[in-house]
Amino acid sequence: MFFSSKKNNSKIKNKIELVSIHIPKTAGTSFRNILKNAYGEEEVIRFDISNHQEVTIEEKVLKSKKLSKKIKVIHGHFTYRNLTKTVALSDNVPIVTWLRDPIKRIVSNYYYLEEKIIEGLEDVKNGLGILSKLQKTLIEYARVDVNCNRMSKFLKGIELEELAFVGIQEYFDEDLLYLSQLLGLTNIESLKENVTNNPRRVFNEINKEVIDEIKELNIEDIELYEKGLSLRKKRVQSSSWNQL
């Protein structure tokens, strides 16, 4: 579909049937477990590629250039460009991803990381002092370049129209149903995991000036998200699938 037919011995060989690009805080953990229910526990793996193209499977470094024949789905944190540089995929392998309102995605990511830091500190009394020194505020976090336009960075090199499926997290259950029909999957159930506590309350309490600056910092992601919404609307309107 998007890959060169030329063989590249430096790339990881596989029998992959589906690729899922997991942009952080877009319901990816829930989606991975849904895929495990649909394909089988051993057929779906967490597959991450670092910016240095180091590959980890279930958080362990992969040393081989070949994946098990059992593996049908790779799902994890990797950019499209790193995917094409690292993995030898057949031309017809579908690639899917989920998008989310960019501002809410950043806010959710920030508070999720904050929760993880607090959980990791054994001494709560000292921990709060350490946290105040090490932890950035929301706007400081949002200003770091790696955190700006993150969805666009993950998908750089491919247009949304070229992906087999682009889900919108805000329509998770409905889009999941569409995807199950598209891929002919059964045993699809909606699961929600790694959800930030009280996300609506947290978002509503953020200063308007902070929200406005985050918007300015993520113009590309806002445009990408709006395009995703537009494609979704066209899909719903033109499809015989009308459960929405």
C-alpha atoms as a PDB file:
ATOM      1  CA  MET A   1       0.000   0.000   0.000  1.00  0.00           C
ATOM      2  CA  PHE A   2       2.699   2.489   0.989  1.00  0.00           C
ATOM      3  CA  PHE A   3       5.899   0.485   0.998  1.00  0.00           C
ATOM      4  CA  SER A   4       8.584  -0.280  -1.522  1.00  0.00           C
ATOM      5  CA  SER A   5       8.497  -3.799  -2.904  1.00  0.00           C
ATOM      6  CA  LYS A   6      12.295  -3.952  -2.779  1.00  0.00           C
ATOM      7  CA  LYS A   7      13.609  -6.285  -0.098  1.00  0.00           C
ATOM      8  CA  ASN A   8      15.668  -4.719   2.653  1.00  0.00           C
ATOM      9  CA  ASN A   9      17.664  -7.181   4.734  1.00  0.00           C
ATOM     10  CA  SER A  10      18.233  -4.584   7.457  1.00  0.00           C
ATOM     11  CA  LYS A  11      14.521  -4.426   8.255  1.00  0.00           C
ATOM     12  CA  ILE A  12      12.601  -6.676  10.620  1.00  0.00           C
ATOM     13  CA  LYS A  13      10.866  -9.538   8.785  1.00  0.00           C
ATOM     14  CA  ASN A  14       7.348 -10.445   9.842  1.00  0.00           C
ATOM     15  CA  LYS A  15       3.900 -11.827   8.992  1.00  0.00           C
ATOM     16  CA  ILE A  16       2.040  -8.757  10.206  1.00  0.00           C
ATOM     17  CA  GLU A  17      -1.630  -8.323   9.256  1.00  0.00           C
ATOM     18  CA  LEU A  18      -2.291  -5.012  11.014  1.00  0.00           C
ATOM     19  CA  VAL A  19      -0.253  -2.050  12.286  1.00  0.00           C
ATOM     20  CA  SER A  20      -1.617   0.256  14.982  1.00  0.00           C
ATOM     21  CA  ILE A  21       0.226   3.532  15.625  1.00  0.00           C
ATOM     22  CA  HIS A  22      -0.415   4.491  19.243  1.00  0.00           C
ATOM     23  CA  ILE A  23      -0.194   8.238  19.766  1.00  0.00           C
ATOM     24  CA  PRO A  24       0.003   8.786  23.558  1.00  0.00           C
ATOM     25  CA  LYS A  25      -3.303   9.407  25.374  1.00  0.00           C
ATOM     26  CA  THR A  26      -5.550   8.467  22.469  1.00  0.00           C
ATOM     27  CA  ALA A  27      -7.087   5.367  24.090  1.00  0.00           C
ATOM     28  CA  GLY A  28      -4.192   3.232  22.868  1.00  0.00           C
ATOM     29  CA  THR A  29      -3.930   0.919  25.871  1.00  0.00           C
ATOM     30  CA  SER A  30      -7.640   0.189  25.698  1.00  0.00           C
ATOM     31  CA  PHE A  31      -7.372  -0.398  21.965  1.00  0.00           C
ATOM     32  CA  ARG A  32      -4.448  -2.819  22.354  1.00  0.00           C
ATOM     33  CA  ASN A  33      -6.445  -4.957  24.774  1.00  0.00           C
ATOM     34  CA  ILE A  34      -9.425  -4.863  22.415  1.00  0.00           C
ATOM     35  CA  LEU A  35      -7.157  -6.121  19.635  1.00  0.00           C
ATOM     36  CA  LYS A  36      -5.923  -8.908  21.924  1.00  0.00           C
ATOM     37  CA  ASN A  37      -9.535  -9.985  22.486  1.00  0.00           C
ATOM     38  CA  ALA A  38     -10.175  -9.973  18.740  1.00  0.00           C
ATOM     39  CA  TYR A  39      -6.947 -11.574  17.443  1.00  0.00           C
ATOM     40  CA  GLY A  40      -5.678 -13.516  20.446  1.00  0.00           C
ATOM     41  CA  GLU A  41      -3.336 -12.783  23.341  1.00  0.00           C
ATOM     42  CA  GLU A  42      -0.173 -14.039  21.611  1.00  0.00           C
ATOM     43  CA  GLU A  43      -0.994 -12.545  18.222  1.00  0.00           C
ATOM     44  CA  VAL A  44      -0.910  -8.900  19.378  1.00  0.00           C
ATOM     45  CA  ILE A  45       2.234  -7.315  20.843  1.00  0.00           C
ATOM     46  CA  ARG A  46       3.253  -3.976  22.250  1.00  0.00           C
ATOM     47  CA  PHE A  47       5.873  -2.854  19.742  1.00  0.00           C
ATOM     48  CA  ASP A  48       7.767   0.406  20.326  1.00  0.00           C
ATOM     49  CA  ILE A  49      10.412   2.118  18.207  1.00  0.00           C
ATOM     50  CA  SER A  50      12.573   4.831  19.780  1.00  0.00           C
ATOM     51  CA  ASN A  51      13.826   7.880  17.900  1.00  0.00           C
ATOM     52  CA  HIS A  52      17.118   5.989  17.571  1.00  0.00           C
ATOM     53  CA  GLN A  53      15.185   3.097  15.977  1.00  0.00           C
ATOM     54  CA  GLU A  54      15.716   0.757  18.905  1.00  0.00           C
ATOM     55  CA  VAL A  55      12.836  -1.721  18.933  1.00  0.00           C
ATOM     56  CA  THR A  56      11.287  -3.083  22.107  1.00  0.00           C
ATOM     57  CA  ILE A  57       8.620  -5.767  22.396  1.00  0.00           C
ATOM     58  CA  GLU A  58       6.661  -5.717  25.636  1.00  0.00           C
ATOM     59  CA  GLU A  59       9.347  -3.286  26.892  1.00  0.00           C
ATOM     60  CA  LYS A  60      12.229  -5.686  26.164  1.00  0.00           C
ATOM     61  CA  VAL A  61      14.828  -4.850  23.497  1.00  0.00           C
ATOM     62  CA  LEU A  62      14.422  -6.879  20.298  1.00  0.00           C
ATOM     63  CA  LYS A  63      17.715  -8.349  19.140  1.00  0.00           C
ATOM     64  CA  SER A  64      16.409 -10.406  16.210  1.00  0.00           C
ATOM     65  CA  LYS A  65      15.532  -9.214  12.716  1.00  0.00           C
ATOM     66  CA  LYS A  66      12.539 -11.530  12.552  1.00  0.00           C
ATOM     67  CA  LEU A  67       9.272 -11.612  14.462  1.00  0.00           C
ATOM     68  CA  SER A  68       7.487 -14.774  15.529  1.00  0.00           C
ATOM     69  CA  LYS A  69       5.071 -16.123  12.927  1.00  0.00           C
ATOM     70  CA  LYS A  70       2.368 -16.026  15.610  1.00  0.00           C
ATOM     71  CA  ILE A  71       2.408 -12.218  15.691  1.00  0.00           C
ATOM     72  CA  LYS A  72      -0.327 -10.710  13.537  1.00  0.00           C
ATOM     73  CA  VAL A  73      -0.626  -7.205  15.006  1.00  0.00           C
ATOM     74  CA  ILE A  74       1.939  -4.677  16.171  1.00  0.00           C
ATOM     75  CA  HIS A  75       0.674  -1.826  18.314  1.00  0.00           C
ATOM     76  CA  GLY A  76       2.797   0.778  20.022  1.00  0.00           C
ATOM     77  CA  HIS A  77       4.561   4.106  20.148  1.00  0.00           C
ATOM     78  CA  PHE A  78       6.386   4.694  16.873  1.00  0.00           C
ATOM     79  CA  THR A  79       6.300   7.312  14.168  1.00  0.00           C
ATOM     80  CA  TYR A  80       5.258   6.377  10.663  1.00  0.00           C
ATOM     81  CA  ARG A  81       8.718   7.230   9.373  1.00  0.00           C
ATOM     82  CA  ASN A  82      10.478   5.046  11.936  1.00  0.00           C
ATOM     83  CA  LEU A  83       8.045   2.255  11.096  1.00  0.00           C
ATOM     84  CA  THR A  84       8.957   2.326   7.405  1.00  0.00           C
ATOM     85  CA  LYS A  85      12.677   2.494   8.199  1.00  0.00           C
ATOM     86  CA  THR A  86      12.590  -0.400  10.655  1.00  0.00           C
ATOM     87  CA  VAL A  87       9.930  -2.919   9.640  1.00  0.00           C
ATOM     88  CA  ALA A  88       9.547  -4.716   6.299  1.00  0.00           C
ATOM     89  CA  LEU A  89       5.796  -4.682   5.677  1.00  0.00           C
ATOM     90  CA  SER A  90       3.808  -5.999   2.743  1.00  0.00           C
ATOM     91  CA  ASP A  91       2.195  -3.380   0.529  1.00  0.00           C
ATOM     92  CA  ASN A  92      -1.347  -4.298   1.594  1.00  0.00           C
ATOM     93  CA  VAL A  93      -0.906  -4.221   5.378  1.00  0.00           C
ATOM     94  CA  PRO A  94      -3.481  -1.802   6.855  1.00  0.00           C
ATOM     95  CA  ILE A  95      -2.220   0.917   9.184  1.00  0.00           C
ATOM     96  CA  VAL A  96      -4.612   2.422  11.715  1.00  0.00           C
ATOM     97  CA  THR A  97      -4.448   5.122  14.371  1.00  0.00           C
ATOM     98  CA  TRP A  98      -6.607   7.203  16.709  1.00  0.00           C
ATOM     99  CA  LEU A  99      -6.718  10.976  17.060  1.00  0.00           C
ATOM    100  CA  ARG A 100      -7.961  13.103  19.933  1.00  0.00           C
ATOM    101  CA  ASP A 101      -8.737  16.758  20.549  1.00  0.00           C
ATOM    102  CA  PRO A 102      -5.130  18.069  20.736  1.00  0.00           C
ATOM    103  CA  ILE A 103      -5.623  20.310  23.755  1.00  0.00           C
ATOM    104  CA  LYS A 104      -7.351  17.614  25.791  1.00  0.00           C
ATOM    105  CA  ARG A 105      -4.708  15.110  24.694  1.00  0.00           C
ATOM    106  CA  ILE A 106      -1.881  17.298  26.030  1.00  0.00           C
ATOM    107  CA  VAL A 107      -3.709  18.012  29.284  1.00  0.00           C
ATOM    108  CA  SER A 108      -4.470  14.310  29.741  1.00  0.00           C
ATOM    109  CA  ASN A 109      -0.860  13.348  28.989  1.00  0.00           C
ATOM    110  CA  TYR A 110       0.450  15.892  31.481  1.00  0.00           C
ATOM    111  CA  TYR A 111      -1.764  14.778  34.362  1.00  0.00           C
ATOM    112  CA  TYR A 112      -1.214  11.107  33.548  1.00  0.00           C
ATOM    113  CA  LEU A 113       2.548  11.603  33.815  1.00  0.00           C
ATOM    114  CA  GLU A 114       2.074  13.573  37.009  1.00  0.00           C
ATOM    115  CA  GLU A 115       0.074  10.705  38.516  1.00  0.00           C
ATOM    116  CA  LYS A 116       2.804   8.238  37.531  1.00  0.00           C
ATOM    117  CA  ILE A 117       5.516  10.369  39.140  1.00  0.00           C
ATOM    118  CA  ILE A 118       3.545  10.631  42.377  1.00  0.00           C
ATOM    119  CA  GLU A 119       2.881   6.878  42.393  1.00  0.00           C
ATOM    120  CA  GLY A 120       6.598   6.216  41.914  1.00  0.00           C
ATOM    121  CA  LEU A 121       7.683   8.242  44.900  1.00  0.00           C
ATOM    122  CA  GLU A 122       7.887   5.981  47.943  1.00  0.00           C
ATOM    123  CA  ASP A 123       8.219   8.738  50.550  1.00  0.00           C
ATOM    124  CA  VAL A 124       5.114  10.900  50.146  1.00  0.00           C
ATOM    125  CA  LYS A 125       6.310  13.693  52.441  1.00  0.00           C
ATOM    126  CA  ASN A 126       9.666  14.093  50.721  1.00  0.00           C
ATOM    127  CA  GLY A 127       8.104  13.184  47.406  1.00  0.00           C
ATOM    128  CA  LEU A 128       5.925  16.263  47.218  1.00  0.00           C
ATOM    129  CA  GLY A 129       8.975  18.469  47.663  1.00  0.00           C
ATOM    130  CA  ILE A 130      10.891  16.555  44.996  1.00  0.00           C
ATOM    131  CA  LEU A 131       7.899  16.749  42.692  1.00  0.00           C
ATOM    132  CA  SER A 132       7.673  20.514  43.022  1.00  0.00           C
ATOM    133  CA  LYS A 133      11.327  20.775  41.957  1.00  0.00           C
ATOM    134  CA  LEU A 134      11.312  18.233  39.123  1.00  0.00           C
ATOM    135  CA  GLN A 135       7.803  18.519  37.739  1.00  0.00           C
ATOM    136  CA  LYS A 136       6.990  21.175  35.188  1.00  0.00           C
ATOM    137  CA  THR A 137       3.753  23.093  35.272  1.00  0.00           C
ATOM    138  CA  LEU A 138       1.224  22.290  32.547  1.00  0.00           C
ATOM    139  CA  ILE A 139       2.219  25.251  30.395  1.00  0.00           C
ATOM    140  CA  GLU A 140       5.951  24.529  30.882  1.00  0.00           C
ATOM    141  CA  TYR A 141       5.318  20.962  29.781  1.00  0.00           C
ATOM    142  CA  ALA A 142       3.289  22.155  26.781  1.00  0.00           C
ATOM    143  CA  ARG A 143       6.058  24.526  25.667  1.00  0.00           C
ATOM    144  CA  VAL A 144       8.656  21.753  25.300  1.00  0.00           C
ATOM    145  CA  ASP A 145       9.123  21.140  21.579  1.00  0.00           C
ATOM    146  CA  VAL A 146       8.728  17.355  21.765  1.00  0.00           C
ATOM    147  CA  ASN A 147       5.260  17.845  23.297  1.00  0.00           C
ATOM    148  CA  CYS A 148       4.053  20.265  20.603  1.00  0.00           C
ATOM    149  CA  ASN A 149       2.091  18.939  17.593  1.00  0.00           C
ATOM    150  CA  ARG A 150       2.830  15.408  18.724  1.00  0.00           C
ATOM    151  CA  MET A 151       0.104  13.731  16.656  1.00  0.00           C
ATOM    152  CA  SER A 152       1.463  15.388  13.507  1.00  0.00           C
ATOM    153  CA  LYS A 153       4.975  14.226  14.354  1.00  0.00           C
ATOM    154  CA  PHE A 154       3.815  10.620  14.767  1.00  0.00           C
ATOM    155  CA  LEU A 155       2.095  10.681  11.353  1.00  0.00           C
ATOM    156  CA  LYS A 156       4.625  12.737   9.411  1.00  0.00           C
ATOM    157  CA  GLY A 157       5.219  11.188   6.006  1.00  0.00           C
ATOM    158  CA  ILE A 158       1.701   9.872   5.457  1.00  0.00           C
ATOM    159  CA  GLU A 159      -1.636  11.565   4.825  1.00  0.00           C
ATOM    160  CA  LEU A 160      -4.698  10.637   6.857  1.00  0.00           C
ATOM    161  CA  GLU A 161      -6.417   9.531   3.645  1.00  0.00           C
ATOM    162  CA  GLU A 162      -3.689   6.919   3.109  1.00  0.00           C
ATOM    163  CA  LEU A 163      -4.348   5.208   6.429  1.00  0.00           C
ATOM    164  CA  ALA A 164      -6.772   2.297   6.436  1.00  0.00           C
ATOM    165  CA  PHE A 165      -8.581   3.771   9.437  1.00  0.00           C
ATOM    166  CA  VAL A 166      -8.420   6.960  11.509  1.00  0.00           C
ATOM    167  CA  GLY A 167     -10.488   6.767  14.677  1.00  0.00           C
ATOM    168  CA  ILE A 168     -11.553   9.716  16.790  1.00  0.00           C
ATOM    169  CA  GLN A 169     -11.297   9.064  20.521  1.00  0.00           C
ATOM    170  CA  GLU A 170     -14.325  11.202  21.283  1.00  0.00           C
ATOM    171  CA  TYR A 171     -16.343   8.711  19.180  1.00  0.00           C
ATOM    172  CA  PHE A 172     -14.446   5.676  20.418  1.00  0.00           C
ATOM    173  CA  ASP A 173     -17.286   3.134  20.681  1.00  0.00           C
ATOM    174  CA  GLU A 174     -18.870   4.116  17.368  1.00  0.00           C
ATOM    175  CA  ASP A 175     -15.589   4.153  15.460  1.00  0.00           C
ATOM    176  CA  LEU A 176     -14.562   0.858  17.055  1.00  0.00           C
ATOM    177  CA  LEU A 177     -17.732  -0.705  15.663  1.00  0.00           C
ATOM    178  CA  TYR A 178     -16.921   0.651  12.205  1.00  0.00           C
ATOM    179  CA  LEU A 179     -13.364  -0.704  12.388  1.00  0.00           C
ATOM    180  CA  SER A 180     -14.576  -4.138  13.446  1.00  0.00           C
ATOM    181  CA  GLN A 181     -16.809  -4.238  10.378  1.00  0.00           C
ATOM    182  CA  LEU A 182     -14.030  -2.909   8.147  1.00  0.00           C
ATOM    183  CA  LEU A 183     -11.591  -5.629   9.248  1.00  0.00           C
ATOM    184  CA  GLY A 184     -14.196  -8.337   9.711  1.00  0.00           C
ATOM    185  CA  LEU A 185     -13.394  -8.733  13.397  1.00  0.00           C
ATOM    186  CA  THR A 186     -15.577 -10.356  16.020  1.00  0.00           C
ATOM    187  CA  ASN A 187     -15.348 -10.399  19.811  1.00  0.00           C
ATOM    188  CA  ILE A 188     -14.928  -6.621  19.896  1.00  0.00           C
ATOM    189  CA  GLU A 189     -15.612  -5.046  23.268  1.00  0.00           C
ATOM    190  CA  SER A 190     -14.966  -1.510  24.447  1.00  0.00           C
ATOM    191  CA  LEU A 191     -12.490  -1.277  27.327  1.00  0.00           C
ATOM    192  CA  LYS A 192     -11.299   1.922  28.976  1.00  0.00           C
ATOM    193  CA  GLU A 193      -7.842   1.915  30.574  1.00  0.00           C
ATOM    194  CA  ASN A 194      -5.240   4.489  31.648  1.00  0.00           C
ATOM    195  CA  VAL A 195      -7.954   7.122  31.952  1.00  0.00           C
ATOM    196  CA  THR A 196      -6.913  10.281  33.798  1.00  0.00           C
ATOM    197  CA  ASN A 197      -8.993  10.875  36.921  1.00  0.00           C
ATOM    198  CA  ASN A 198     -11.861  13.341  36.455  1.00  0.00           C
ATOM    199  CA  PRO A 199     -10.621  14.602  33.041  1.00  0.00           C
ATOM    200  CA  ARG A 200     -13.561  16.946  32.472  1.00  0.00           C
ATOM    201  CA  ARG A 201     -13.194  18.620  35.867  1.00  0.00           C
ATOM    202  CA  VAL A 202      -9.430  18.970  35.404  1.00  0.00           C
ATOM    203  CA  PHE A 203      -9.854  20.523  31.961  1.00  0.00           C
ATOM    204  CA  ASN A 204     -12.535  22.952  33.088  1.00  0.00           C
ATOM    205  CA  GLU A 205     -10.315  24.241  35.892  1.00  0.00           C
ATOM    206  CA  ILE A 206      -7.433  25.242  33.600  1.00  0.00           C
ATOM    207  CA  ASN A 207      -6.863  28.956  33.063  1.00  0.00           C
ATOM    208  CA  LYS A 208      -8.149  30.235  29.701  1.00  0.00           C
ATOM    209  CA  GLU A 209      -4.821  31.929  28.932  1.00  0.00           C
ATOM    210  CA  VAL A 210      -3.070  28.567  29.351  1.00  0.00           C
ATOM    211  CA  ILE A 211      -5.526  26.873  26.995  1.00  0.00           C
ATOM    212  CA  ASP A 212      -5.093  29.640  24.426  1.00  0.00           C
ATOM    213  CA  GLU A 213      -1.306  29.315  24.495  1.00  0.00           C
ATOM    214  CA  ILE A 214      -1.496  25.535  24.139  1.00  0.00           C
ATOM    215  CA  LYS A 215      -3.680  26.066  21.075  1.00  0.00           C
ATOM    216  CA  GLU A 216      -1.080  28.415  19.598  1.00  0.00           C
ATOM    217  CA  LEU A 217       1.627  25.829  20.202  1.00  0.00           C
ATOM    218  CA  ASN A 218      -0.348  23.061  18.456  1.00  0.00           C
ATOM    219  CA  ILE A 219      -1.752  24.588  15.286  1.00  0.00           C
ATOM    220  CA  GLU A 220      -0.617  21.628  13.171  1.00  0.00           C
ATOM    221  CA  ASP A 221      -2.326  19.117  15.453  1.00  0.00           C
ATOM    222  CA  ILE A 222      -5.514  21.169  15.522  1.00  0.00           C
ATOM    223  CA  GLU A 223      -5.580  21.181  11.722  1.00  0.00           C
ATOM    224  CA  LEU A 224      -4.848  17.440  11.647  1.00  0.00           C
ATOM    225  CA  TYR A 225      -7.645  16.728  14.120  1.00  0.00           C
ATOM    226  CA  GLU A 226     -10.125  18.859  12.183  1.00  0.00           C
ATOM    227  CA  LYS A 227      -9.184  16.972   9.027  1.00  0.00           C
ATOM    228  CA  GLY A 228      -9.750  13.702  10.871  1.00  0.00           C
ATOM    229  CA  LEU A 229     -13.196  14.895  11.947  1.00  0.00           C
ATOM    230  CA  SER A 230     -13.985  15.923   8.372  1.00  0.00           C
ATOM    231  CA  LEU A 231     -12.932  12.529   7.001  1.00  0.00           C
ATOM    232  CA  ARG A 232     -15.016  10.817   9.641  1.00  0.00           C
ATOM    233  CA  LYS A 233     -18.069  12.900   8.717  1.00  0.00           C
ATOM    234  CA  LYS A 234     -17.662  12.013   5.028  1.00  0.00           C
ATOM    235  CA  ARG A 235     -17.230   8.353   5.916  1.00  0.00           C
ATOM    236  CA  VAL A 236     -20.413   8.308   7.957  1.00  0.00           C
ATOM    237  CA  GLN A 237     -22.403  10.198   5.328  1.00  0.00           C
ATOM    238  CA  SER A 238     -21.231   8.102   2.383  1.00  0.00           C
ATOM    239  CA  SER A 239     -21.263   4.693   4.041  1.00  0.00           C
ATOM    240  CA  SER A 240     -24.143   2.284   4.304  1.00  0.00           C
ATOM    241  CA  TRP A 241     -22.888   1.872   7.857  1.00  0.00           C
ATOM    242  CA  ASN A 242     -25.330   4.193   9.602  1.00  0.00           C
ATOM    243  CA  GLN A 243     -25.429   3.069  13.199  1.00  0.00           C
ATOM    244  CA  LEU A 244     -24.199   6.508  14.298  1.00  0.00           C
END
